[in-house]
Amino acid sequence: MRPHSNVALASLSLALGFLLSAPGSPLSASDTVPSDHSDSTGVLMITDFTADTTDLDWYVQNDNVMGGRSKGGFNIEPGVLIFAGSTNTNGGGFSSIRTRPFKADLSSYKGIRLRVKGDGRRYTWQLQTNARYQRFRVSYWADFETTDGEWITVNIPFADFFPQVRGFKLPGPELDTTDISELGLYIYDKKDGAFELRLDSIEAY
């Protein structure tokens, strides 16, 4: 995992303020991702973007909230989410999608498993709980690499997620996997240009 530098993360600090005031979710506080539906291998399917799994109600958050010029969005087709756009480092340099709040206890699992087809760029997966630093909610980030044009399975151990807020990596608190409340997908690799990531499924393993 590549920790983000304070300088790079500082460009996200203003955006985090906007994220904290994002529109409320149509989901209620009782909406829960089932944690007791593991298959015979002990893997929990969170979503595979079909009608048979949870609709996590994604929304877009790009760097234009802080005056950046990146563009990005997503489209969900049966069985796949397509996250695509173009990053511009003359500004924030990131694009992201996030879920509305929900509840999930993933303490019986070791990490997040993604099935993706990427473009060779580095992406960041985000988890969020109710943890706070001062008045800000803490986000937990972990980077993962992709292979251009190939479907790969990415395992991200919960131990790889580091806490950050307001542009700074924090020494804690540790990720509380009993209290997962949001997921997010970022591209924030300090590069300009087009990106596309196809996301086939999200599991806990």
N, C-alpha and C. Protein backbone atom coordinates (compact mmCIF):
# COMPACT_ATOMS: atom_id res chain seq x y z
N MET A 1 0.84 -1.19 0.00
CA MET A 1 0.00 0.00 0.00
C MET A 1 0.87 1.23 0.00
N ARG A 2 0.50 2.23 -0.75
CA ARG A 2 1.27 3.45 -0.85
C ARG A 2 0.59 4.53 -0.05
N PRO A 3 1.16 4.96 1.12
CA PRO A 3 0.54 6.06 1.85
C PRO A 3 0.56 7.33 1.03
N HIS A 4 -0.50 8.11 1.08
CA HIS A 4 -0.53 9.39 0.41
C HIS A 4 0.27 10.39 1.23
N SER A 5 0.98 11.26 0.60
CA SER A 5 1.72 12.30 1.30
C SER A 5 0.76 13.34 1.82
N ASN A 6 1.21 14.08 2.84
CA ASN A 6 0.39 15.15 3.38
C ASN A 6 0.08 16.19 2.32
N VAL A 7 1.06 16.47 1.45
CA VAL A 7 0.84 17.47 0.42
C VAL A 7 -0.26 17.03 -0.53
N ALA A 8 -0.18 15.76 -0.95
CA ALA A 8 -1.19 15.26 -1.88
C ALA A 8 -2.56 15.21 -1.23
N LEU A 9 -2.60 14.74 0.03
CA LEU A 9 -3.88 14.63 0.69
C LEU A 9 -4.46 15.99 1.06
N ALA A 10 -3.60 16.99 1.22
CA ALA A 10 -4.10 18.31 1.59
C ALA A 10 -5.05 18.86 0.55
N SER A 11 -4.83 18.48 -0.71
CA SER A 11 -5.70 18.97 -1.77
C SER A 11 -7.10 18.43 -1.65
N LEU A 12 -7.27 17.38 -0.81
CA LEU A 12 -8.59 16.79 -0.64
C LEU A 12 -9.32 17.35 0.57
N SER A 13 -8.65 18.15 1.39
CA SER A 13 -9.22 18.56 2.67
C SER A 13 -10.51 19.35 2.50
N LEU A 14 -10.54 20.28 1.54
CA LEU A 14 -11.75 21.06 1.33
C LEU A 14 -12.87 20.17 0.84
N ALA A 15 -12.52 19.23 -0.04
CA ALA A 15 -13.54 18.32 -0.56
C ALA A 15 -14.18 17.50 0.54
N LEU A 16 -13.38 17.12 1.55
CA LEU A 16 -13.95 16.34 2.64
C LEU A 16 -15.05 17.11 3.35
N GLY A 17 -14.89 18.41 3.47
CA GLY A 17 -15.93 19.21 4.08
C GLY A 17 -17.23 19.12 3.32
N PHE A 18 -17.15 19.10 2.00
CA PHE A 18 -18.35 18.96 1.19
C PHE A 18 -18.94 17.56 1.34
N LEU A 19 -18.08 16.57 1.45
CA LEU A 19 -18.57 15.21 1.61
C LEU A 19 -19.38 15.08 2.89
N LEU A 20 -18.92 15.76 3.95
CA LEU A 20 -19.60 15.67 5.21
C LEU A 20 -21.00 16.26 5.15
N SER A 21 -21.23 17.16 4.21
CA SER A 21 -22.54 17.77 4.09
C SER A 21 -23.29 17.30 2.86
N ALA A 22 -22.90 16.13 2.34
CA ALA A 22 -23.57 15.58 1.16
C ALA A 22 -25.04 15.33 1.45
N PRO A 23 -25.89 15.33 0.43
CA PRO A 23 -27.33 15.14 0.65
C PRO A 23 -27.62 13.85 1.39
N GLY A 24 -28.66 13.85 2.19
CA GLY A 24 -29.01 12.70 2.98
C GLY A 24 -29.41 11.51 2.13
N SER A 25 -29.28 10.33 2.72
CA SER A 25 -29.59 9.11 2.00
C SER A 25 -31.07 8.80 2.06
N PRO A 26 -31.61 8.25 0.97
CA PRO A 26 -32.98 7.75 1.04
C PRO A 26 -33.07 6.49 1.88
N LEU A 27 -31.92 5.88 2.19
CA LEU A 27 -31.91 4.72 3.06
C LEU A 27 -32.11 5.16 4.50
N SER A 28 -32.79 4.37 5.29
CA SER A 28 -32.97 4.70 6.70
C SER A 28 -31.82 4.14 7.50
N ALA A 29 -31.73 4.55 8.76
CA ALA A 29 -30.63 4.10 9.62
C ALA A 29 -30.66 2.60 9.86
N SER A 30 -31.80 1.99 9.61
CA SER A 30 -31.91 0.55 9.85
C SER A 30 -31.53 -0.29 8.64
N ASP A 31 -31.28 0.34 7.49
CA ASP A 31 -30.91 -0.42 6.31
C ASP A 31 -29.55 -1.08 6.52
N THR A 32 -29.48 -2.36 6.26
CA THR A 32 -28.31 -3.14 6.62
C THR A 32 -27.91 -4.05 5.46
N VAL A 33 -26.60 -4.13 5.24
CA VAL A 33 -26.09 -5.14 4.34
C VAL A 33 -26.02 -6.45 5.12
N PRO A 34 -26.71 -7.50 4.70
CA PRO A 34 -26.72 -8.73 5.48
C PRO A 34 -25.32 -9.25 5.74
N SER A 35 -25.03 -9.63 6.99
CA SER A 35 -23.71 -10.13 7.34
C SER A 35 -23.72 -11.63 7.64
N ASP A 36 -24.87 -12.26 7.45
CA ASP A 36 -24.99 -13.68 7.79
C ASP A 36 -25.31 -14.54 6.58
N HIS A 37 -24.96 -14.03 5.39
CA HIS A 37 -25.28 -14.75 4.16
C HIS A 37 -24.01 -15.17 3.42
N SER A 38 -23.01 -15.60 4.17
CA SER A 38 -21.78 -16.09 3.54
C SER A 38 -22.06 -17.37 2.79
N ASP A 39 -21.27 -17.60 1.72
CA ASP A 39 -21.40 -18.86 1.01
C ASP A 39 -20.55 -19.92 1.70
N SER A 40 -20.44 -21.08 1.08
CA SER A 40 -19.74 -22.20 1.71
C SER A 40 -18.25 -21.95 1.89
N THR A 41 -17.72 -20.95 1.19
CA THR A 41 -16.29 -20.63 1.33
C THR A 41 -16.07 -19.50 2.34
N GLY A 42 -17.13 -19.04 2.98
CA GLY A 42 -16.99 -17.97 3.96
C GLY A 42 -16.91 -16.60 3.35
N VAL A 43 -17.36 -16.43 2.12
CA VAL A 43 -17.33 -15.15 1.43
C VAL A 43 -18.73 -14.54 1.44
N LEU A 44 -18.80 -13.26 1.78
CA LEU A 44 -20.06 -12.53 1.78
C LEU A 44 -20.16 -11.67 0.53
N MET A 45 -21.17 -11.90 -0.28
CA MET A 45 -21.42 -11.06 -1.43
C MET A 45 -22.12 -9.79 -0.96
N ILE A 46 -21.46 -8.65 -1.11
CA ILE A 46 -22.07 -7.38 -0.76
C ILE A 46 -22.94 -6.89 -1.91
N THR A 47 -22.39 -6.88 -3.12
CA THR A 47 -23.19 -6.60 -4.30
C THR A 47 -22.48 -7.12 -5.54
N ASP A 48 -23.26 -7.59 -6.50
CA ASP A 48 -22.72 -7.91 -7.82
C ASP A 48 -23.50 -7.14 -8.89
N PHE A 49 -24.17 -6.07 -8.44
CA PHE A 49 -24.87 -5.15 -9.35
C PHE A 49 -25.99 -5.82 -10.14
N THR A 50 -26.61 -6.79 -9.49
CA THR A 50 -27.81 -7.40 -10.04
C THR A 50 -28.96 -7.15 -9.07
N ALA A 51 -30.15 -7.47 -9.52
CA ALA A 51 -31.33 -7.25 -8.68
C ALA A 51 -31.35 -8.15 -7.46
N ASP A 52 -30.51 -9.18 -7.44
CA ASP A 52 -30.51 -10.12 -6.33
C ASP A 52 -29.66 -9.66 -5.15
N THR A 53 -28.89 -8.59 -5.32
CA THR A 53 -28.04 -8.10 -4.24
C THR A 53 -28.37 -6.65 -3.92
N THR A 54 -27.78 -6.17 -2.84
CA THR A 54 -28.14 -4.86 -2.29
C THR A 54 -27.82 -3.72 -3.25
N ASP A 55 -28.78 -2.81 -3.39
CA ASP A 55 -28.56 -1.56 -4.12
C ASP A 55 -27.96 -0.56 -3.13
N LEU A 56 -26.70 -0.21 -3.30
CA LEU A 56 -26.00 0.65 -2.35
C LEU A 56 -26.15 2.14 -2.65
N ASP A 57 -26.86 2.49 -3.70
CA ASP A 57 -27.22 3.88 -3.98
C ASP A 57 -25.98 4.77 -4.11
N TRP A 58 -25.23 4.57 -5.17
CA TRP A 58 -23.98 5.30 -5.39
C TRP A 58 -24.25 6.73 -5.85
N TYR A 59 -23.29 7.61 -5.55
CA TYR A 59 -23.33 8.97 -6.07
C TYR A 59 -21.90 9.43 -6.38
N VAL A 60 -21.78 10.49 -7.16
CA VAL A 60 -20.48 10.97 -7.64
C VAL A 60 -19.98 12.11 -6.77
N GLN A 61 -18.66 12.12 -6.51
CA GLN A 61 -18.01 13.25 -5.84
C GLN A 61 -16.67 13.49 -6.53
N ASN A 62 -16.59 14.54 -7.34
CA ASN A 62 -15.35 14.87 -8.06
C ASN A 62 -14.67 16.08 -7.44
N ASP A 63 -13.49 16.40 -7.96
CA ASP A 63 -12.73 17.50 -7.38
C ASP A 63 -13.28 18.88 -7.71
N ASN A 64 -14.37 18.94 -8.48
CA ASN A 64 -14.95 20.25 -8.76
C ASN A 64 -15.51 20.91 -7.50
N VAL A 65 -15.71 20.14 -6.42
CA VAL A 65 -16.17 20.73 -5.17
C VAL A 65 -15.11 21.67 -4.58
N MET A 66 -13.87 21.53 -5.04
CA MET A 66 -12.79 22.40 -4.57
C MET A 66 -12.15 23.15 -5.72
N GLY A 67 -12.89 23.30 -6.82
CA GLY A 67 -12.37 24.05 -7.94
C GLY A 67 -11.56 23.25 -8.92
N GLY A 68 -11.53 21.93 -8.78
CA GLY A 68 -10.76 21.08 -9.69
C GLY A 68 -11.45 20.90 -11.02
N ARG A 69 -10.76 20.22 -11.93
CA ARG A 69 -11.23 20.09 -13.31
C ARG A 69 -11.42 18.64 -13.76
N SER A 70 -11.31 17.71 -12.84
CA SER A 70 -11.50 16.31 -13.22
C SER A 70 -12.98 16.03 -13.48
N LYS A 71 -13.20 15.04 -14.34
CA LYS A 71 -14.56 14.62 -14.66
C LYS A 71 -14.67 13.12 -14.43
N GLY A 72 -15.79 12.72 -13.92
CA GLY A 72 -15.98 11.30 -13.69
C GLY A 72 -17.41 10.99 -13.33
N GLY A 73 -17.80 9.77 -13.54
CA GLY A 73 -19.14 9.32 -13.22
C GLY A 73 -19.22 7.82 -13.33
N PHE A 74 -20.41 7.29 -13.24
CA PHE A 74 -20.57 5.85 -13.30
C PHE A 74 -21.86 5.50 -14.01
N ASN A 75 -21.89 4.27 -14.49
CA ASN A 75 -23.09 3.70 -15.10
C ASN A 75 -23.19 2.27 -14.63
N ILE A 76 -24.37 1.86 -14.23
CA ILE A 76 -24.57 0.48 -13.79
C ILE A 76 -25.36 -0.26 -14.85
N GLU A 77 -24.73 -1.30 -15.39
CA GLU A 77 -25.38 -2.22 -16.30
C GLU A 77 -25.59 -3.53 -15.56
N PRO A 78 -26.46 -4.39 -16.04
CA PRO A 78 -26.67 -5.66 -15.33
C PRO A 78 -25.36 -6.40 -15.09
N GLY A 79 -24.97 -6.50 -13.82
CA GLY A 79 -23.78 -7.26 -13.46
C GLY A 79 -22.48 -6.49 -13.45
N VAL A 80 -22.50 -5.18 -13.70
CA VAL A 80 -21.23 -4.43 -13.69
C VAL A 80 -21.50 -2.95 -13.46
N LEU A 81 -20.61 -2.32 -12.69
CA LEU A 81 -20.58 -0.87 -12.54
C LEU A 81 -19.37 -0.36 -13.31
N ILE A 82 -19.57 0.66 -14.13
CA ILE A 82 -18.49 1.24 -14.94
C ILE A 82 -18.20 2.64 -14.41
N PHE A 83 -17.00 2.81 -13.85
CA PHE A 83 -16.54 4.08 -13.30
C PHE A 83 -15.55 4.66 -14.30
N ALA A 84 -15.85 5.84 -14.88
CA ALA A 84 -15.03 6.35 -15.97
C ALA A 84 -15.04 7.86 -15.98
N GLY A 85 -14.00 8.43 -16.60
CA GLY A 85 -13.90 9.88 -16.73
C GLY A 85 -12.49 10.27 -17.09
N SER A 86 -12.08 11.44 -16.60
CA SER A 86 -10.74 11.94 -16.90
C SER A 86 -10.26 12.78 -15.72
N THR A 87 -9.04 12.53 -15.26
CA THR A 87 -8.48 13.30 -14.15
C THR A 87 -7.61 14.43 -14.67
N ASN A 88 -7.58 15.52 -13.92
CA ASN A 88 -6.79 16.69 -14.24
C ASN A 88 -6.11 17.14 -12.94
N THR A 89 -4.80 17.04 -12.90
CA THR A 89 -4.07 17.36 -11.67
C THR A 89 -3.89 18.85 -11.46
N ASN A 90 -4.36 19.67 -12.39
CA ASN A 90 -4.36 21.12 -12.20
C ASN A 90 -5.60 21.47 -11.38
N GLY A 91 -5.56 21.09 -10.13
CA GLY A 91 -6.71 21.19 -9.24
C GLY A 91 -6.62 20.03 -8.26
N GLY A 92 -7.76 19.47 -7.90
CA GLY A 92 -7.74 18.37 -6.94
C GLY A 92 -7.14 17.10 -7.49
N GLY A 93 -7.44 16.79 -8.76
CA GLY A 93 -6.85 15.61 -9.38
C GLY A 93 -7.52 14.31 -9.04
N PHE A 94 -8.78 14.34 -8.58
CA PHE A 94 -9.42 13.07 -8.24
C PHE A 94 -10.86 13.04 -8.75
N SER A 95 -11.34 11.81 -8.88
CA SER A 95 -12.74 11.54 -9.12
C SER A 95 -13.13 10.39 -8.21
N SER A 96 -14.38 10.38 -7.76
CA SER A 96 -14.79 9.31 -6.86
C SER A 96 -16.28 9.05 -6.96
N ILE A 97 -16.64 7.86 -6.53
CA ILE A 97 -18.04 7.51 -6.31
C ILE A 97 -18.13 6.93 -4.91
N ARG A 98 -19.26 7.17 -4.27
CA ARG A 98 -19.47 6.72 -2.90
C ARG A 98 -20.89 6.21 -2.74
N THR A 99 -21.09 5.40 -1.71
CA THR A 99 -22.44 4.92 -1.40
C THR A 99 -23.08 5.82 -0.37
N ARG A 100 -24.39 5.83 -0.37
CA ARG A 100 -25.11 6.44 0.73
C ARG A 100 -24.93 5.59 1.99
N PRO A 101 -25.18 6.15 3.16
CA PRO A 101 -24.95 5.40 4.40
C PRO A 101 -25.79 4.12 4.50
N PHE A 102 -25.18 3.11 5.11
CA PHE A 102 -25.86 1.86 5.41
C PHE A 102 -25.18 1.27 6.64
N LYS A 103 -25.55 0.06 7.02
CA LYS A 103 -24.92 -0.60 8.15
C LYS A 103 -24.39 -1.96 7.71
N ALA A 104 -23.17 -2.28 8.15
CA ALA A 104 -22.63 -3.62 7.88
C ALA A 104 -21.62 -3.98 8.97
N ASP A 105 -21.78 -5.14 9.54
CA ASP A 105 -20.83 -5.71 10.49
C ASP A 105 -20.00 -6.74 9.73
N LEU A 106 -18.75 -6.39 9.41
CA LEU A 106 -17.88 -7.27 8.65
C LEU A 106 -16.76 -7.85 9.52
N SER A 107 -16.99 -7.89 10.83
CA SER A 107 -15.94 -8.32 11.75
C SER A 107 -15.59 -9.81 11.62
N SER A 108 -16.44 -10.57 10.94
CA SER A 108 -16.15 -12.00 10.73
C SER A 108 -15.25 -12.24 9.53
N TYR A 109 -14.84 -11.17 8.85
CA TYR A 109 -14.09 -11.29 7.59
C TYR A 109 -12.73 -10.62 7.71
N LYS A 110 -11.87 -10.89 6.73
CA LYS A 110 -10.49 -10.39 6.76
C LYS A 110 -10.28 -9.16 5.89
N GLY A 111 -11.17 -8.96 4.91
CA GLY A 111 -10.95 -7.83 4.02
C GLY A 111 -12.02 -7.73 2.95
N ILE A 112 -11.78 -6.83 2.01
CA ILE A 112 -12.68 -6.58 0.89
C ILE A 112 -12.09 -7.21 -0.37
N ARG A 113 -12.93 -7.88 -1.13
CA ARG A 113 -12.51 -8.51 -2.40
C ARG A 113 -13.28 -7.85 -3.54
N LEU A 114 -12.54 -7.39 -4.54
CA LEU A 114 -13.12 -6.75 -5.70
C LEU A 114 -12.78 -7.55 -6.95
N ARG A 115 -13.71 -7.63 -7.86
CA ARG A 115 -13.45 -8.21 -9.19
C ARG A 115 -13.53 -7.05 -10.16
N VAL A 116 -12.39 -6.70 -10.78
CA VAL A 116 -12.31 -5.48 -11.58
C VAL A 116 -11.60 -5.72 -12.91
N LYS A 117 -11.93 -4.89 -13.88
CA LYS A 117 -11.16 -4.78 -15.11
C LYS A 117 -10.77 -3.32 -15.25
N GLY A 118 -9.48 -3.05 -15.16
CA GLY A 118 -9.01 -1.67 -15.14
C GLY A 118 -8.19 -1.30 -16.35
N ASP A 119 -7.42 -0.25 -16.17
CA ASP A 119 -6.66 0.35 -17.25
C ASP A 119 -5.18 0.51 -16.93
N GLY A 120 -4.73 -0.18 -15.89
CA GLY A 120 -3.33 -0.08 -15.48
C GLY A 120 -3.04 1.03 -14.49
N ARG A 121 -4.06 1.82 -14.13
CA ARG A 121 -3.86 2.89 -13.16
C ARG A 121 -4.15 2.41 -11.74
N ARG A 122 -3.70 3.21 -10.78
CA ARG A 122 -3.91 2.89 -9.37
C ARG A 122 -5.23 3.52 -8.91
N TYR A 123 -6.00 2.76 -8.16
CA TYR A 123 -7.26 3.23 -7.59
C TYR A 123 -7.21 3.10 -6.07
N THR A 124 -8.16 3.71 -5.42
CA THR A 124 -8.23 3.69 -3.96
C THR A 124 -9.62 3.25 -3.53
N TRP A 125 -9.66 2.28 -2.61
CA TRP A 125 -10.93 1.86 -2.03
C TRP A 125 -11.08 2.53 -0.67
N GLN A 126 -12.29 2.98 -0.39
CA GLN A 126 -12.56 3.66 0.86
C GLN A 126 -13.60 2.92 1.68
N LEU A 127 -13.37 2.88 2.98
CA LEU A 127 -14.37 2.43 3.94
C LEU A 127 -14.60 3.58 4.92
N GLN A 128 -15.82 3.67 5.41
CA GLN A 128 -16.11 4.69 6.41
C GLN A 128 -16.95 4.09 7.51
N THR A 129 -16.70 4.56 8.73
CA THR A 129 -17.47 4.17 9.90
C THR A 129 -18.01 5.46 10.54
N ASN A 130 -18.42 5.37 11.77
CA ASN A 130 -18.84 6.57 12.50
C ASN A 130 -17.69 7.19 13.28
N ALA A 131 -16.47 6.72 13.06
CA ALA A 131 -15.31 7.28 13.75
C ALA A 131 -15.12 8.74 13.37
N ARG A 132 -14.70 9.54 14.34
CA ARG A 132 -14.50 10.96 14.10
C ARG A 132 -13.15 11.42 14.65
N TYR A 133 -12.64 12.43 13.98
CA TYR A 133 -11.48 13.16 14.47
C TYR A 133 -11.92 14.60 14.60
N GLN A 134 -11.97 15.08 15.86
CA GLN A 134 -12.60 16.36 16.13
C GLN A 134 -14.02 16.34 15.56
N ARG A 135 -14.38 17.25 14.67
CA ARG A 135 -15.76 17.25 14.17
C ARG A 135 -15.90 16.55 12.82
N PHE A 136 -14.80 15.96 12.33
CA PHE A 136 -14.81 15.36 11.00
C PHE A 136 -14.87 13.84 11.09
N ARG A 137 -15.58 13.25 10.14
CA ARG A 137 -15.60 11.80 10.06
C ARG A 137 -14.31 11.30 9.43
N VAL A 138 -13.80 10.22 9.96
CA VAL A 138 -12.57 9.62 9.47
C VAL A 138 -12.89 8.70 8.29
N SER A 139 -12.05 8.77 7.25
CA SER A 139 -12.14 7.84 6.13
C SER A 139 -10.95 6.90 6.17
N TYR A 140 -11.16 5.67 5.74
CA TYR A 140 -10.09 4.66 5.72
C TYR A 140 -9.83 4.30 4.27
N TRP A 141 -8.56 4.45 3.85
CA TRP A 141 -8.18 4.28 2.45
C TRP A 141 -7.17 3.14 2.28
N ALA A 142 -7.26 2.47 1.15
CA ALA A 142 -6.24 1.50 0.73
C ALA A 142 -6.17 1.53 -0.79
N ASP A 143 -4.96 1.58 -1.33
CA ASP A 143 -4.74 1.60 -2.77
C ASP A 143 -4.71 0.19 -3.35
N PHE A 144 -5.06 0.08 -4.63
CA PHE A 144 -4.87 -1.18 -5.33
C PHE A 144 -4.53 -0.88 -6.79
N GLU A 145 -3.75 -1.77 -7.37
CA GLU A 145 -3.32 -1.62 -8.75
C GLU A 145 -4.24 -2.40 -9.68
N THR A 146 -4.29 -1.97 -10.93
CA THR A 146 -5.06 -2.70 -11.94
C THR A 146 -4.15 -3.09 -13.10
N THR A 147 -4.62 -4.05 -13.87
CA THR A 147 -3.92 -4.51 -15.07
C THR A 147 -4.73 -4.07 -16.28
N ASP A 148 -4.08 -3.43 -17.21
CA ASP A 148 -4.78 -2.84 -18.35
C ASP A 148 -5.55 -3.89 -19.15
N GLY A 149 -6.88 -3.76 -19.16
CA GLY A 149 -7.72 -4.59 -20.00
C GLY A 149 -7.96 -6.00 -19.53
N GLU A 150 -7.54 -6.34 -18.31
CA GLU A 150 -7.71 -7.70 -17.82
C GLU A 150 -8.56 -7.72 -16.56
N TRP A 151 -9.44 -8.72 -16.47
CA TRP A 151 -10.18 -8.94 -15.23
C TRP A 151 -9.26 -9.54 -14.19
N ILE A 152 -9.25 -8.95 -13.00
CA ILE A 152 -8.44 -9.48 -11.91
C ILE A 152 -9.26 -9.45 -10.63
N THR A 153 -8.87 -10.28 -9.68
CA THR A 153 -9.47 -10.27 -8.35
C THR A 153 -8.51 -9.57 -7.41
N VAL A 154 -9.00 -8.58 -6.69
CA VAL A 154 -8.18 -7.78 -5.78
C VAL A 154 -8.65 -8.05 -4.36
N ASN A 155 -7.75 -8.53 -3.51
CA ASN A 155 -8.03 -8.72 -2.10
C ASN A 155 -7.36 -7.59 -1.31
N ILE A 156 -8.14 -6.85 -0.55
CA ILE A 156 -7.61 -5.75 0.25
C ILE A 156 -7.87 -6.07 1.72
N PRO A 157 -6.86 -6.50 2.46
CA PRO A 157 -7.06 -6.81 3.88
C PRO A 157 -7.48 -5.56 4.66
N PHE A 158 -8.32 -5.74 5.63
CA PHE A 158 -8.72 -4.61 6.46
C PHE A 158 -7.50 -3.96 7.12
N ALA A 159 -6.46 -4.75 7.37
CA ALA A 159 -5.25 -4.21 8.00
C ALA A 159 -4.53 -3.19 7.12
N ASP A 160 -4.83 -3.19 5.80
CA ASP A 160 -4.17 -2.25 4.88
C ASP A 160 -4.82 -0.87 4.86
N PHE A 161 -6.00 -0.73 5.43
CA PHE A 161 -6.68 0.55 5.40
C PHE A 161 -6.11 1.49 6.46
N PHE A 162 -5.77 2.70 6.04
CA PHE A 162 -5.25 3.67 7.00
C PHE A 162 -6.23 4.83 7.18
N PRO A 163 -6.32 5.37 8.40
CA PRO A 163 -7.25 6.47 8.65
C PRO A 163 -6.68 7.79 8.18
N GLN A 164 -7.55 8.63 7.61
CA GLN A 164 -7.12 9.97 7.20
C GLN A 164 -8.32 10.90 7.27
N VAL A 165 -8.02 12.17 7.48
CA VAL A 165 -9.06 13.18 7.52
C VAL A 165 -8.43 14.54 7.32
N ARG A 166 -9.13 15.41 6.64
CA ARG A 166 -8.68 16.78 6.40
C ARG A 166 -7.29 16.84 5.79
N GLY A 167 -6.96 15.86 4.95
CA GLY A 167 -5.69 15.89 4.25
C GLY A 167 -4.53 15.26 4.99
N PHE A 168 -4.76 14.66 6.14
CA PHE A 168 -3.66 14.11 6.92
C PHE A 168 -3.91 12.65 7.29
N LYS A 169 -2.88 11.86 7.16
CA LYS A 169 -2.94 10.49 7.66
C LYS A 169 -2.88 10.55 9.18
N LEU A 170 -3.73 9.75 9.82
CA LEU A 170 -3.83 9.75 11.27
C LEU A 170 -3.22 8.49 11.87
N PRO A 171 -2.76 8.56 13.12
CA PRO A 171 -2.27 7.36 13.80
C PRO A 171 -3.40 6.44 14.24
N GLY A 172 -4.61 6.91 14.22
CA GLY A 172 -5.78 6.14 14.63
C GLY A 172 -7.01 7.00 14.48
N PRO A 173 -8.16 6.48 14.79
CA PRO A 173 -8.44 5.16 15.36
C PRO A 173 -8.35 4.05 14.32
N GLU A 174 -8.15 2.84 14.80
CA GLU A 174 -8.15 1.69 13.90
C GLU A 174 -9.55 1.48 13.32
N LEU A 175 -9.58 0.85 12.17
CA LEU A 175 -10.84 0.57 11.50
C LEU A 175 -11.68 -0.39 12.35
N ASP A 176 -12.89 0.01 12.64
CA ASP A 176 -13.84 -0.82 13.37
C ASP A 176 -14.72 -1.53 12.35
N THR A 177 -14.43 -2.79 12.09
CA THR A 177 -15.15 -3.51 11.05
C THR A 177 -16.55 -3.94 11.46
N THR A 178 -16.92 -3.68 12.71
CA THR A 178 -18.31 -3.93 13.12
C THR A 178 -19.22 -2.78 12.73
N ASP A 179 -18.64 -1.70 12.21
CA ASP A 179 -19.38 -0.44 12.07
C ASP A 179 -19.19 0.18 10.68
N ILE A 180 -19.12 -0.64 9.63
CA ILE A 180 -18.96 -0.11 8.28
C ILE A 180 -20.25 0.58 7.85
N SER A 181 -20.10 1.81 7.36
CA SER A 181 -21.30 2.58 7.01
C SER A 181 -21.29 3.15 5.59
N GLU A 182 -20.14 3.17 4.92
CA GLU A 182 -20.08 3.64 3.55
C GLU A 182 -18.92 2.96 2.84
N LEU A 183 -19.05 2.85 1.51
CA LEU A 183 -17.98 2.39 0.64
C LEU A 183 -17.68 3.49 -0.36
N GLY A 184 -16.47 3.50 -0.87
CA GLY A 184 -16.12 4.48 -1.88
C GLY A 184 -15.03 3.97 -2.80
N LEU A 185 -15.00 4.50 -4.01
CA LEU A 185 -13.99 4.17 -5.01
C LEU A 185 -13.43 5.46 -5.57
N TYR A 186 -12.11 5.63 -5.46
CA TYR A 186 -11.43 6.85 -5.91
C TYR A 186 -10.41 6.51 -6.99
N ILE A 187 -10.17 7.47 -7.87
CA ILE A 187 -8.93 7.50 -8.62
C ILE A 187 -8.23 8.80 -8.22
N TYR A 188 -7.02 8.63 -7.68
CA TYR A 188 -6.29 9.77 -7.10
C TYR A 188 -4.80 9.43 -7.15
N ASP A 189 -4.32 9.17 -8.37
CA ASP A 189 -2.96 8.67 -8.55
C ASP A 189 -2.00 9.73 -9.09
N LYS A 190 -2.39 10.99 -9.03
CA LYS A 190 -1.54 12.11 -9.44
C LYS A 190 -1.20 12.07 -10.93
N LYS A 191 -2.09 11.51 -11.74
CA LYS A 191 -1.88 11.45 -13.17
C LYS A 191 -3.05 12.10 -13.90
N ASP A 192 -2.73 12.68 -15.06
CA ASP A 192 -3.76 13.25 -15.92
C ASP A 192 -4.22 12.21 -16.94
N GLY A 193 -5.48 12.33 -17.35
CA GLY A 193 -5.94 11.51 -18.46
C GLY A 193 -7.16 10.68 -18.16
N ALA A 194 -7.60 9.99 -19.20
CA ALA A 194 -8.81 9.19 -19.12
C ALA A 194 -8.60 7.97 -18.22
N PHE A 195 -9.68 7.55 -17.59
CA PHE A 195 -9.65 6.32 -16.78
C PHE A 195 -10.96 5.58 -16.98
N GLU A 196 -10.89 4.27 -16.78
CA GLU A 196 -12.09 3.44 -16.77
C GLU A 196 -11.84 2.19 -15.95
N LEU A 197 -12.70 1.96 -15.01
CA LEU A 197 -12.64 0.76 -14.18
C LEU A 197 -14.01 0.10 -14.19
N ARG A 198 -14.03 -1.17 -14.54
CA ARG A 198 -15.26 -1.97 -14.49
C ARG A 198 -15.23 -2.80 -13.21
N LEU A 199 -16.30 -2.66 -12.44
CA LEU A 199 -16.38 -3.34 -11.14
C LEU A 199 -17.50 -4.38 -11.23
N ASP A 200 -17.10 -5.63 -11.13
CA ASP A 200 -18.02 -6.75 -11.30
C ASP A 200 -18.70 -7.14 -10.00
N SER A 201 -17.96 -7.06 -8.89
CA SER A 201 -18.54 -7.48 -7.62
C SER A 201 -17.72 -6.92 -6.46
N ILE A 202 -18.38 -6.81 -5.31
CA ILE A 202 -17.76 -6.42 -4.05
C ILE A 202 -18.13 -7.48 -3.03
N GLU A 203 -17.12 -8.08 -2.42
CA GLU A 203 -17.35 -9.13 -1.41
C GLU A 203 -16.52 -8.82 -0.18
N ALA A 204 -16.91 -9.44 0.92
CA ALA A 204 -16.06 -9.53 2.11
C ALA A 204 -15.57 -10.97 2.17
N TYR A 205 -14.27 -11.14 2.42
CA TYR A 205 -13.71 -12.50 2.44
C TYR A 205 -13.06 -12.81 3.78
